[in-house]
N, C-alpha and C. Protein backbone atom coordinates (compact mmCIF):
# COMPACT_ATOMS: atom_id res chain seq x y z
N MET A 1 44.15 -61.29 21.14
CA MET A 1 43.10 -60.71 21.93
C MET A 1 43.34 -59.23 22.12
N TYR A 2 44.59 -58.87 22.34
CA TYR A 2 44.91 -57.47 22.52
C TYR A 2 44.55 -56.67 21.28
N SER A 3 44.86 -57.15 20.12
CA SER A 3 44.54 -56.46 18.88
C SER A 3 43.04 -56.38 18.66
N SER A 4 42.32 -57.37 19.14
CA SER A 4 40.86 -57.36 19.03
C SER A 4 40.28 -56.23 19.87
N GLN A 5 40.81 -56.02 21.06
CA GLN A 5 40.34 -54.93 21.92
C GLN A 5 40.68 -53.57 21.31
N ILE A 6 41.85 -53.49 20.75
CA ILE A 6 42.24 -52.23 20.09
C ILE A 6 41.31 -51.96 18.92
N TYR A 7 41.07 -53.02 18.16
CA TYR A 7 40.19 -52.88 16.99
C TYR A 7 38.79 -52.44 17.44
N SER A 8 38.28 -53.05 18.50
CA SER A 8 36.97 -52.68 19.04
C SER A 8 36.97 -51.24 19.53
N SER A 9 38.01 -50.86 20.20
CA SER A 9 38.12 -49.48 20.69
C SER A 9 38.18 -48.50 19.53
N LEU A 10 38.93 -48.86 18.52
CA LEU A 10 39.01 -48.00 17.34
C LEU A 10 37.64 -47.85 16.67
N ILE A 11 36.91 -48.93 16.58
CA ILE A 11 35.57 -48.88 15.97
C ILE A 11 34.66 -47.99 16.81
N ARG A 12 34.68 -48.19 18.15
CA ARG A 12 33.86 -47.34 19.02
C ARG A 12 34.27 -45.87 18.90
N PHE A 13 35.57 -45.64 18.88
CA PHE A 13 36.07 -44.27 18.74
C PHE A 13 35.63 -43.67 17.39
N ASN A 14 35.75 -44.47 16.35
CA ASN A 14 35.34 -44.04 15.01
C ASN A 14 33.84 -43.75 14.99
N MET A 15 33.05 -44.60 15.63
CA MET A 15 31.60 -44.39 15.69
C MET A 15 31.29 -43.12 16.48
N THR A 16 31.99 -42.96 17.60
CA THR A 16 31.80 -41.76 18.42
C THR A 16 32.18 -40.52 17.62
N LEU A 17 33.30 -40.62 16.92
CA LEU A 17 33.75 -39.50 16.10
C LEU A 17 32.74 -39.20 15.00
N LYS A 18 32.26 -40.25 14.34
CA LYS A 18 31.24 -40.07 13.29
C LYS A 18 29.98 -39.46 13.88
N HIS A 19 29.61 -39.92 15.07
CA HIS A 19 28.42 -39.41 15.75
C HIS A 19 28.59 -37.93 16.08
N LYS A 20 29.76 -37.57 16.60
CA LYS A 20 30.04 -36.16 16.91
C LYS A 20 30.03 -35.32 15.65
N LYS A 21 30.66 -35.84 14.59
CA LYS A 21 30.67 -35.11 13.32
C LYS A 21 29.25 -34.93 12.80
N MET A 22 28.46 -35.98 12.94
CA MET A 22 27.08 -35.92 12.47
C MET A 22 26.31 -34.86 13.27
N LYS A 23 26.53 -34.85 14.57
CA LYS A 23 25.88 -33.84 15.41
C LYS A 23 26.27 -32.43 14.96
N ILE A 24 27.55 -32.26 14.68
CA ILE A 24 28.04 -30.95 14.23
C ILE A 24 27.42 -30.58 12.89
N VAL A 25 27.37 -31.55 11.99
CA VAL A 25 26.77 -31.29 10.67
C VAL A 25 25.30 -30.94 10.82
N ILE A 26 24.59 -31.69 11.65
CA ILE A 26 23.16 -31.42 11.86
C ILE A 26 22.97 -30.05 12.51
N ARG A 27 23.77 -29.78 13.54
CA ARG A 27 23.66 -28.49 14.23
C ARG A 27 23.94 -27.34 13.26
N ASN A 28 25.01 -27.46 12.48
CA ASN A 28 25.35 -26.40 11.52
C ASN A 28 24.28 -26.26 10.44
N SER A 29 23.70 -27.39 10.04
CA SER A 29 22.62 -27.34 9.04
C SER A 29 21.40 -26.61 9.61
N LEU A 30 21.11 -26.89 10.87
CA LEU A 30 19.99 -26.19 11.51
C LEU A 30 20.25 -24.69 11.61
N TYR A 31 21.47 -24.33 11.99
CA TYR A 31 21.82 -22.90 12.06
C TYR A 31 21.66 -22.25 10.69
N LEU A 32 22.11 -22.97 9.66
CA LEU A 32 22.00 -22.45 8.31
C LEU A 32 20.54 -22.27 7.90
N LEU A 33 19.71 -23.27 8.22
CA LEU A 33 18.29 -23.17 7.90
C LEU A 33 17.63 -22.01 8.64
N ILE A 34 17.95 -21.87 9.90
CA ILE A 34 17.39 -20.76 10.68
C ILE A 34 17.82 -19.43 10.09
N PHE A 35 19.09 -19.33 9.73
CA PHE A 35 19.60 -18.09 9.12
C PHE A 35 18.89 -17.80 7.80
N LEU A 36 18.76 -18.83 6.95
CA LEU A 36 18.10 -18.63 5.65
C LEU A 36 16.63 -18.27 5.83
N PHE A 37 15.97 -18.91 6.78
CA PHE A 37 14.58 -18.59 7.04
C PHE A 37 14.45 -17.14 7.51
N SER A 38 15.33 -16.74 8.40
CA SER A 38 15.31 -15.35 8.90
C SER A 38 15.57 -14.36 7.77
N LEU A 39 16.51 -14.69 6.92
CA LEU A 39 16.84 -13.83 5.80
C LEU A 39 15.66 -13.71 4.84
N THR A 40 15.02 -14.83 4.54
CA THR A 40 13.85 -14.83 3.66
C THR A 40 12.72 -14.05 4.30
N SER A 41 12.50 -14.28 5.58
CA SER A 41 11.45 -13.57 6.29
C SER A 41 11.71 -12.07 6.29
N PHE A 42 12.98 -11.68 6.53
CA PHE A 42 13.35 -10.27 6.50
C PHE A 42 13.11 -9.69 5.11
N ALA A 43 13.49 -10.42 4.07
CA ALA A 43 13.31 -9.94 2.70
C ALA A 43 11.83 -9.76 2.39
N GLN A 44 11.00 -10.71 2.85
CA GLN A 44 9.56 -10.58 2.61
C GLN A 44 9.00 -9.38 3.36
N ARG A 45 9.41 -9.20 4.62
CA ARG A 45 8.95 -8.03 5.39
C ARG A 45 9.41 -6.75 4.73
N ASN A 46 10.66 -6.76 4.24
CA ASN A 46 11.21 -5.59 3.59
C ASN A 46 10.42 -5.28 2.30
N THR A 47 10.09 -6.32 1.53
CA THR A 47 9.32 -6.13 0.31
C THR A 47 7.93 -5.59 0.64
N ILE A 48 7.30 -6.16 1.67
CA ILE A 48 5.98 -5.68 2.09
C ILE A 48 6.08 -4.23 2.53
N GLU A 49 7.11 -3.91 3.29
CA GLU A 49 7.30 -2.54 3.78
C GLU A 49 7.52 -1.57 2.62
N GLU A 50 8.34 -1.98 1.65
CA GLU A 50 8.59 -1.12 0.49
C GLU A 50 7.30 -0.87 -0.27
N LYS A 51 6.49 -1.91 -0.47
CA LYS A 51 5.22 -1.77 -1.19
C LYS A 51 4.28 -0.87 -0.39
N SER A 52 4.27 -1.03 0.91
CA SER A 52 3.40 -0.23 1.76
C SER A 52 3.79 1.25 1.70
N ILE A 53 5.09 1.53 1.65
CA ILE A 53 5.56 2.92 1.54
C ILE A 53 5.16 3.50 0.18
N GLU A 54 5.32 2.72 -0.87
CA GLU A 54 4.90 3.18 -2.20
C GLU A 54 3.40 3.43 -2.23
N ASP A 55 2.63 2.57 -1.56
CA ASP A 55 1.18 2.77 -1.48
C ASP A 55 0.83 4.09 -0.79
N MET A 56 1.53 4.40 0.30
CA MET A 56 1.26 5.66 1.01
C MET A 56 1.50 6.86 0.10
N LYS A 57 2.61 6.83 -0.62
CA LYS A 57 2.93 7.94 -1.53
C LYS A 57 1.89 8.03 -2.65
N TYR A 58 1.53 6.88 -3.20
CA TYR A 58 0.55 6.86 -4.28
C TYR A 58 -0.80 7.36 -3.79
N MET A 59 -1.23 6.89 -2.61
CA MET A 59 -2.52 7.31 -2.09
C MET A 59 -2.53 8.81 -1.79
N TYR A 60 -1.40 9.33 -1.38
CA TYR A 60 -1.29 10.77 -1.11
C TYR A 60 -1.57 11.55 -2.39
N GLU A 61 -0.94 11.13 -3.47
CA GLU A 61 -1.18 11.83 -4.74
C GLU A 61 -2.58 11.55 -5.28
N GLU A 62 -3.09 10.36 -5.05
CA GLU A 62 -4.43 10.04 -5.53
C GLU A 62 -5.48 10.88 -4.80
N GLU A 63 -5.27 11.12 -3.52
CA GLU A 63 -6.20 12.00 -2.78
C GLU A 63 -6.10 13.43 -3.30
N LYS A 64 -4.89 13.84 -3.68
CA LYS A 64 -4.72 15.17 -4.28
C LYS A 64 -5.46 15.23 -5.62
N LEU A 65 -5.37 14.16 -6.39
CA LEU A 65 -6.07 14.12 -7.68
C LEU A 65 -7.57 14.32 -7.45
N ALA A 66 -8.13 13.60 -6.49
CA ALA A 66 -9.56 13.74 -6.20
C ALA A 66 -9.88 15.18 -5.79
N HIS A 67 -9.10 15.73 -4.88
CA HIS A 67 -9.34 17.10 -4.42
C HIS A 67 -9.27 18.08 -5.58
N ASP A 68 -8.19 18.01 -6.36
CA ASP A 68 -8.00 18.96 -7.45
C ASP A 68 -9.09 18.83 -8.51
N ALA A 69 -9.48 17.60 -8.80
CA ALA A 69 -10.55 17.38 -9.79
C ALA A 69 -11.86 17.96 -9.28
N TYR A 70 -12.16 17.76 -8.00
CA TYR A 70 -13.42 18.28 -7.45
C TYR A 70 -13.42 19.80 -7.38
N VAL A 71 -12.26 20.39 -7.13
CA VAL A 71 -12.16 21.85 -7.15
C VAL A 71 -12.48 22.35 -8.56
N PHE A 72 -11.82 21.76 -9.55
CA PHE A 72 -12.03 22.17 -10.94
C PHE A 72 -13.50 21.99 -11.37
N LEU A 73 -14.03 20.79 -11.12
CA LEU A 73 -15.40 20.49 -11.55
C LEU A 73 -16.43 21.31 -10.77
N GLY A 74 -16.15 21.57 -9.51
CA GLY A 74 -17.03 22.41 -8.70
C GLY A 74 -17.10 23.82 -9.24
N GLU A 75 -15.94 24.36 -9.64
CA GLU A 75 -15.91 25.71 -10.22
C GLU A 75 -16.58 25.73 -11.59
N LYS A 76 -16.39 24.69 -12.36
CA LYS A 76 -16.94 24.64 -13.72
C LYS A 76 -18.47 24.50 -13.71
N TRP A 77 -19.00 23.61 -12.85
CA TRP A 77 -20.42 23.29 -12.88
C TRP A 77 -21.20 23.84 -11.69
N ASP A 78 -20.55 24.40 -10.73
CA ASP A 78 -21.20 24.98 -9.55
C ASP A 78 -22.20 24.03 -8.90
N LEU A 79 -21.74 22.79 -8.68
CA LEU A 79 -22.56 21.79 -8.00
C LEU A 79 -22.08 21.63 -6.56
N GLN A 80 -23.00 21.60 -5.63
CA GLN A 80 -22.68 21.51 -4.20
C GLN A 80 -21.92 20.23 -3.86
N ILE A 81 -22.22 19.14 -4.55
CA ILE A 81 -21.57 17.87 -4.23
C ILE A 81 -20.05 17.97 -4.35
N PHE A 82 -19.59 18.70 -5.36
CA PHE A 82 -18.14 18.86 -5.52
C PHE A 82 -17.54 19.72 -4.40
N GLN A 83 -18.29 20.72 -3.98
CA GLN A 83 -17.83 21.57 -2.88
C GLN A 83 -17.71 20.75 -1.59
N ASN A 84 -18.73 19.93 -1.32
CA ASN A 84 -18.75 19.14 -0.09
C ASN A 84 -17.62 18.09 -0.09
N ILE A 85 -17.51 17.37 -1.18
CA ILE A 85 -16.56 16.26 -1.20
C ILE A 85 -15.12 16.76 -1.29
N LYS A 86 -14.89 17.91 -1.91
CA LYS A 86 -13.51 18.44 -1.95
C LYS A 86 -13.01 18.73 -0.54
N GLU A 87 -13.92 19.17 0.34
CA GLU A 87 -13.54 19.41 1.74
C GLU A 87 -13.16 18.10 2.43
N SER A 88 -13.89 17.06 2.12
CA SER A 88 -13.57 15.75 2.67
C SER A 88 -12.21 15.27 2.15
N GLU A 89 -11.93 15.55 0.89
CA GLU A 89 -10.65 15.14 0.31
C GLU A 89 -9.48 15.86 0.99
N LYS A 90 -9.70 17.07 1.47
CA LYS A 90 -8.66 17.76 2.25
C LYS A 90 -8.32 16.96 3.51
N ARG A 91 -9.36 16.44 4.15
CA ARG A 91 -9.12 15.62 5.35
C ARG A 91 -8.42 14.32 4.99
N HIS A 92 -8.76 13.77 3.84
CA HIS A 92 -8.08 12.55 3.39
C HIS A 92 -6.60 12.82 3.15
N LEU A 93 -6.31 13.95 2.53
CA LEU A 93 -4.91 14.32 2.31
C LEU A 93 -4.16 14.43 3.64
N LYS A 94 -4.80 15.05 4.62
CA LYS A 94 -4.17 15.21 5.95
C LYS A 94 -3.94 13.84 6.60
N ALA A 95 -4.88 12.93 6.41
CA ALA A 95 -4.74 11.59 7.00
C ALA A 95 -3.54 10.86 6.41
N ILE A 96 -3.39 10.91 5.09
CA ILE A 96 -2.26 10.24 4.44
C ILE A 96 -0.96 10.98 4.78
N GLU A 97 -1.02 12.29 4.82
CA GLU A 97 0.17 13.06 5.22
C GLU A 97 0.60 12.66 6.64
N GLY A 98 -0.37 12.43 7.51
CA GLY A 98 -0.07 11.98 8.86
C GLY A 98 0.61 10.62 8.88
N LEU A 99 0.16 9.71 8.01
CA LEU A 99 0.81 8.40 7.90
C LEU A 99 2.26 8.55 7.46
N LEU A 100 2.47 9.38 6.45
CA LEU A 100 3.83 9.59 5.96
C LEU A 100 4.71 10.18 7.05
N THR A 101 4.19 11.16 7.76
CA THR A 101 4.96 11.80 8.85
C THR A 101 5.24 10.80 9.96
N LYS A 102 4.24 10.06 10.37
CA LYS A 102 4.40 9.07 11.44
C LYS A 102 5.47 8.05 11.07
N ASN A 103 5.56 7.69 9.80
CA ASN A 103 6.52 6.70 9.34
C ASN A 103 7.83 7.32 8.86
N GLN A 104 7.98 8.64 9.11
CA GLN A 104 9.19 9.38 8.75
C GLN A 104 9.55 9.23 7.27
N ILE A 105 8.51 9.37 6.43
CA ILE A 105 8.68 9.29 4.99
C ILE A 105 8.46 10.68 4.41
N SER A 106 9.47 11.17 3.73
CA SER A 106 9.39 12.50 3.14
C SER A 106 8.80 12.38 1.74
N TYR A 107 7.75 13.14 1.49
CA TYR A 107 7.14 13.17 0.15
C TYR A 107 6.37 14.47 0.03
N THR A 108 6.68 15.23 -0.98
CA THR A 108 6.06 16.53 -1.16
C THR A 108 5.22 16.53 -2.42
N LEU A 109 4.00 17.04 -2.28
CA LEU A 109 3.12 17.19 -3.43
C LEU A 109 3.43 18.51 -4.13
N TYR A 110 3.09 18.56 -5.41
CA TYR A 110 3.16 19.85 -6.10
C TYR A 110 2.08 20.76 -5.52
N ASP A 111 2.42 22.04 -5.36
CA ASP A 111 1.43 23.02 -4.90
C ASP A 111 0.39 23.32 -5.98
N LYS A 112 0.83 23.28 -7.21
CA LYS A 112 -0.05 23.62 -8.33
C LYS A 112 -1.16 22.58 -8.48
N LYS A 113 -2.39 23.08 -8.63
CA LYS A 113 -3.54 22.18 -8.83
C LYS A 113 -3.38 21.44 -10.15
N GLY A 114 -3.68 20.15 -10.12
CA GLY A 114 -3.64 19.35 -11.33
C GLY A 114 -2.25 18.92 -11.76
N LYS A 115 -1.26 19.05 -10.88
CA LYS A 115 0.12 18.68 -11.19
C LYS A 115 0.55 17.56 -10.25
N PHE A 116 1.10 16.45 -10.85
CA PHE A 116 1.43 15.26 -10.07
C PHE A 116 2.80 14.72 -10.46
N HIS A 117 3.48 14.13 -9.50
CA HIS A 117 4.76 13.45 -9.75
C HIS A 117 4.53 12.16 -10.53
N ASN A 118 3.49 11.42 -10.15
CA ASN A 118 3.19 10.14 -10.77
C ASN A 118 2.61 10.37 -12.17
N VAL A 119 3.29 9.86 -13.17
CA VAL A 119 2.92 10.07 -14.58
C VAL A 119 1.53 9.50 -14.87
N ASP A 120 1.24 8.32 -14.32
CA ASP A 120 -0.07 7.70 -14.57
C ASP A 120 -1.20 8.54 -13.97
N LEU A 121 -0.97 9.07 -12.77
CA LEU A 121 -2.00 9.92 -12.16
C LEU A 121 -2.14 11.23 -12.92
N GLN A 122 -1.05 11.73 -13.47
CA GLN A 122 -1.12 12.96 -14.27
C GLN A 122 -1.99 12.73 -15.50
N LYS A 123 -1.76 11.60 -16.18
CA LYS A 123 -2.56 11.27 -17.37
C LYS A 123 -4.02 11.07 -17.00
N LEU A 124 -4.27 10.39 -15.89
CA LEU A 124 -5.64 10.17 -15.44
C LEU A 124 -6.33 11.49 -15.14
N TYR A 125 -5.65 12.36 -14.41
CA TYR A 125 -6.24 13.66 -14.08
C TYR A 125 -6.60 14.42 -15.35
N ASP A 126 -5.67 14.50 -16.29
CA ASP A 126 -5.91 15.24 -17.53
C ASP A 126 -7.12 14.67 -18.27
N TYR A 127 -7.20 13.35 -18.33
CA TYR A 127 -8.33 12.70 -19.00
C TYR A 127 -9.64 13.00 -18.28
N LEU A 128 -9.63 12.87 -16.96
CA LEU A 128 -10.87 13.09 -16.19
C LEU A 128 -11.36 14.53 -16.29
N ILE A 129 -10.44 15.48 -16.30
CA ILE A 129 -10.82 16.89 -16.42
C ILE A 129 -11.44 17.15 -17.79
N GLU A 130 -10.83 16.57 -18.81
CA GLU A 130 -11.38 16.72 -20.16
C GLU A 130 -12.77 16.11 -20.24
N LEU A 131 -12.92 14.92 -19.71
CA LEU A 131 -14.22 14.24 -19.73
C LEU A 131 -15.25 15.00 -18.89
N GLY A 132 -14.87 15.42 -17.70
CA GLY A 132 -15.80 16.11 -16.82
C GLY A 132 -16.21 17.49 -17.29
N SER A 133 -15.48 18.02 -18.26
CA SER A 133 -15.80 19.35 -18.81
C SER A 133 -16.90 19.31 -19.85
N ASN A 134 -17.29 18.11 -20.27
CA ASN A 134 -18.30 17.98 -21.33
C ASN A 134 -19.71 18.30 -20.87
N SER A 135 -20.09 17.82 -19.70
CA SER A 135 -21.46 18.02 -19.21
C SER A 135 -21.50 17.75 -17.71
N VAL A 136 -22.61 18.16 -17.10
CA VAL A 136 -22.79 17.91 -15.67
C VAL A 136 -22.81 16.40 -15.41
N LYS A 137 -23.52 15.67 -16.26
CA LYS A 137 -23.59 14.21 -16.09
C LYS A 137 -22.19 13.59 -16.19
N ASP A 138 -21.41 14.04 -17.14
CA ASP A 138 -20.04 13.52 -17.27
C ASP A 138 -19.20 13.88 -16.05
N ALA A 139 -19.41 15.09 -15.52
CA ALA A 139 -18.66 15.51 -14.33
C ALA A 139 -19.01 14.61 -13.14
N LEU A 140 -20.28 14.29 -12.98
CA LEU A 140 -20.69 13.40 -11.90
C LEU A 140 -20.15 11.98 -12.12
N SER A 141 -20.11 11.55 -13.37
CA SER A 141 -19.53 10.24 -13.69
C SER A 141 -18.04 10.21 -13.35
N VAL A 142 -17.36 11.33 -13.59
CA VAL A 142 -15.95 11.43 -13.24
C VAL A 142 -15.79 11.30 -11.72
N GLY A 143 -16.67 11.96 -10.97
CA GLY A 143 -16.62 11.84 -9.50
C GLY A 143 -16.78 10.39 -9.06
N ALA A 144 -17.75 9.70 -9.67
CA ALA A 144 -17.97 8.29 -9.32
C ALA A 144 -16.75 7.44 -9.69
N LEU A 145 -16.17 7.71 -10.85
CA LEU A 145 -14.99 6.97 -11.28
C LEU A 145 -13.80 7.20 -10.35
N ILE A 146 -13.61 8.43 -9.92
CA ILE A 146 -12.53 8.74 -8.97
C ILE A 146 -12.72 7.94 -7.69
N GLU A 147 -13.94 7.91 -7.18
CA GLU A 147 -14.20 7.19 -5.93
C GLU A 147 -14.06 5.68 -6.10
N GLU A 148 -14.50 5.15 -7.23
CA GLU A 148 -14.33 3.71 -7.49
C GLU A 148 -12.85 3.35 -7.55
N THR A 149 -12.06 4.20 -8.20
CA THR A 149 -10.62 3.98 -8.30
C THR A 149 -9.98 4.06 -6.92
N ASP A 150 -10.39 5.04 -6.15
CA ASP A 150 -9.87 5.22 -4.79
C ASP A 150 -10.20 4.00 -3.93
N ILE A 151 -11.40 3.51 -4.02
CA ILE A 151 -11.82 2.33 -3.26
C ILE A 151 -10.94 1.13 -3.61
N ASN A 152 -10.76 0.91 -4.89
CA ASN A 152 -9.93 -0.21 -5.36
C ASN A 152 -8.50 -0.09 -4.82
N ASP A 153 -7.93 1.10 -4.93
CA ASP A 153 -6.54 1.31 -4.49
C ASP A 153 -6.41 1.23 -2.97
N LEU A 154 -7.40 1.70 -2.23
CA LEU A 154 -7.36 1.58 -0.77
C LEU A 154 -7.43 0.12 -0.34
N GLU A 155 -8.27 -0.66 -1.01
CA GLU A 155 -8.36 -2.09 -0.68
C GLU A 155 -7.01 -2.78 -0.91
N LYS A 156 -6.33 -2.42 -2.00
CA LYS A 156 -5.01 -2.99 -2.28
C LYS A 156 -4.00 -2.54 -1.21
N ALA A 157 -4.06 -1.27 -0.83
CA ALA A 157 -3.13 -0.75 0.18
C ALA A 157 -3.33 -1.47 1.52
N ILE A 158 -4.58 -1.76 1.86
CA ILE A 158 -4.86 -2.51 3.10
C ILE A 158 -4.23 -3.89 3.02
N ASP A 159 -4.36 -4.54 1.87
CA ASP A 159 -3.78 -5.88 1.69
C ASP A 159 -2.26 -5.86 1.70
N ASN A 160 -1.67 -4.73 1.33
CA ASN A 160 -0.21 -4.65 1.19
C ASN A 160 0.52 -4.23 2.46
N THR A 161 -0.20 -4.09 3.56
CA THR A 161 0.49 -3.69 4.79
C THR A 161 0.15 -4.63 5.93
N ASN A 162 1.10 -4.76 6.84
CA ASN A 162 0.86 -5.51 8.07
C ASN A 162 0.66 -4.56 9.25
N ASP A 163 0.82 -3.27 9.00
CA ASP A 163 0.73 -2.25 10.04
C ASP A 163 -0.74 -1.95 10.35
N GLU A 164 -1.14 -2.21 11.59
CA GLU A 164 -2.55 -2.05 11.98
C GLU A 164 -3.01 -0.60 11.92
N TYR A 165 -2.14 0.34 12.25
CA TYR A 165 -2.53 1.75 12.19
C TYR A 165 -2.80 2.17 10.75
N ARG A 166 -1.93 1.76 9.83
CA ARG A 166 -2.15 2.08 8.41
C ARG A 166 -3.47 1.47 7.95
N LYS A 167 -3.71 0.23 8.33
CA LYS A 167 -4.97 -0.42 7.94
C LYS A 167 -6.17 0.37 8.47
N GLN A 168 -6.06 0.87 9.68
CA GLN A 168 -7.15 1.64 10.27
C GLN A 168 -7.39 2.93 9.49
N VAL A 169 -6.32 3.64 9.17
CA VAL A 169 -6.45 4.90 8.41
C VAL A 169 -7.05 4.60 7.04
N TYR A 170 -6.52 3.59 6.36
CA TYR A 170 -7.04 3.25 5.03
C TYR A 170 -8.51 2.82 5.10
N SER A 171 -8.87 2.09 6.14
CA SER A 171 -10.26 1.64 6.30
C SER A 171 -11.19 2.82 6.50
N ASN A 172 -10.76 3.82 7.27
CA ASN A 172 -11.57 5.03 7.45
C ASN A 172 -11.75 5.76 6.12
N LEU A 173 -10.67 5.86 5.35
CA LEU A 173 -10.76 6.51 4.03
C LEU A 173 -11.65 5.71 3.10
N LEU A 174 -11.58 4.40 3.21
CA LEU A 174 -12.41 3.52 2.38
C LEU A 174 -13.90 3.75 2.65
N ARG A 175 -14.26 3.86 3.93
CA ARG A 175 -15.66 4.13 4.27
C ARG A 175 -16.11 5.48 3.69
N ALA A 176 -15.26 6.47 3.80
CA ALA A 176 -15.61 7.80 3.27
C ALA A 176 -15.76 7.75 1.75
N SER A 177 -14.86 7.04 1.08
CA SER A 177 -14.94 6.95 -0.38
C SER A 177 -16.21 6.22 -0.82
N ARG A 178 -16.60 5.22 -0.06
CA ARG A 178 -17.87 4.52 -0.39
C ARG A 178 -19.06 5.47 -0.22
N ASN A 179 -19.01 6.32 0.81
CA ASN A 179 -20.07 7.32 0.99
C ASN A 179 -20.08 8.30 -0.18
N HIS A 180 -18.91 8.73 -0.60
CA HIS A 180 -18.82 9.67 -1.74
C HIS A 180 -19.37 9.02 -3.00
N LEU A 181 -19.02 7.76 -3.21
CA LEU A 181 -19.51 7.06 -4.40
C LEU A 181 -21.04 6.99 -4.39
N ARG A 182 -21.62 6.68 -3.24
CA ARG A 182 -23.09 6.65 -3.15
C ARG A 182 -23.68 8.02 -3.47
N ALA A 183 -23.04 9.08 -2.98
CA ALA A 183 -23.55 10.43 -3.24
C ALA A 183 -23.49 10.75 -4.73
N PHE A 184 -22.40 10.41 -5.40
CA PHE A 184 -22.32 10.65 -6.84
C PHE A 184 -23.36 9.83 -7.60
N LYS A 185 -23.57 8.59 -7.18
CA LYS A 185 -24.56 7.74 -7.87
C LYS A 185 -25.97 8.28 -7.67
N ARG A 186 -26.26 8.83 -6.47
CA ARG A 186 -27.57 9.46 -6.25
C ARG A 186 -27.77 10.63 -7.19
N GLN A 187 -26.73 11.46 -7.32
CA GLN A 187 -26.81 12.62 -8.22
C GLN A 187 -26.98 12.16 -9.67
N LEU A 188 -26.24 11.12 -10.06
CA LEU A 188 -26.32 10.63 -11.44
C LEU A 188 -27.70 10.06 -11.75
N SER A 189 -28.38 9.51 -10.76
CA SER A 189 -29.71 8.91 -11.00
C SER A 189 -30.73 9.98 -11.40
N ARG A 190 -30.41 11.24 -11.21
CA ARG A 190 -31.32 12.33 -11.59
C ARG A 190 -31.18 12.72 -13.05
N TYR A 191 -30.18 12.15 -13.72
CA TYR A 191 -29.94 12.51 -15.12
C TYR A 191 -30.25 11.36 -16.05
């Protein structure tokens, strides 16, 4: 009988020990899951933030492209639409510059008109200037194409950020670009 009680006690102790070990394993597994989830969430936020920063830099140069192209085409064809919209593009540049400054992101544009850090934007600018130099109609088509491209890129930038202030700035620029596109299309309808 004595050995039976010892055996029973050992079984209870073993069960208690197994139960405690199981609790520890479960608790540690939960800590691990929470840690991994946090790490994944941080990585996703970091990736979103990196993309959002790249978008700000890209949009800054894209606004410069629009401004520089409108300056060139305005001088070449002496059309008021280019004069008006180039002034708006200056405000767009200031808005993106403000975003970069607010987010403590250093990025400097080339002072020279028609010069860009981004190779793709450089190629696009060169192509658009060549195309817009052919005729007034082509110049207006270039303006419409710039605004369509800007609209597309602003929509992507809005999707790529969780920051409400950035979304607000991009949305304001988006509205202005849609207005510019309508103005270019009105001018094109005359040709």
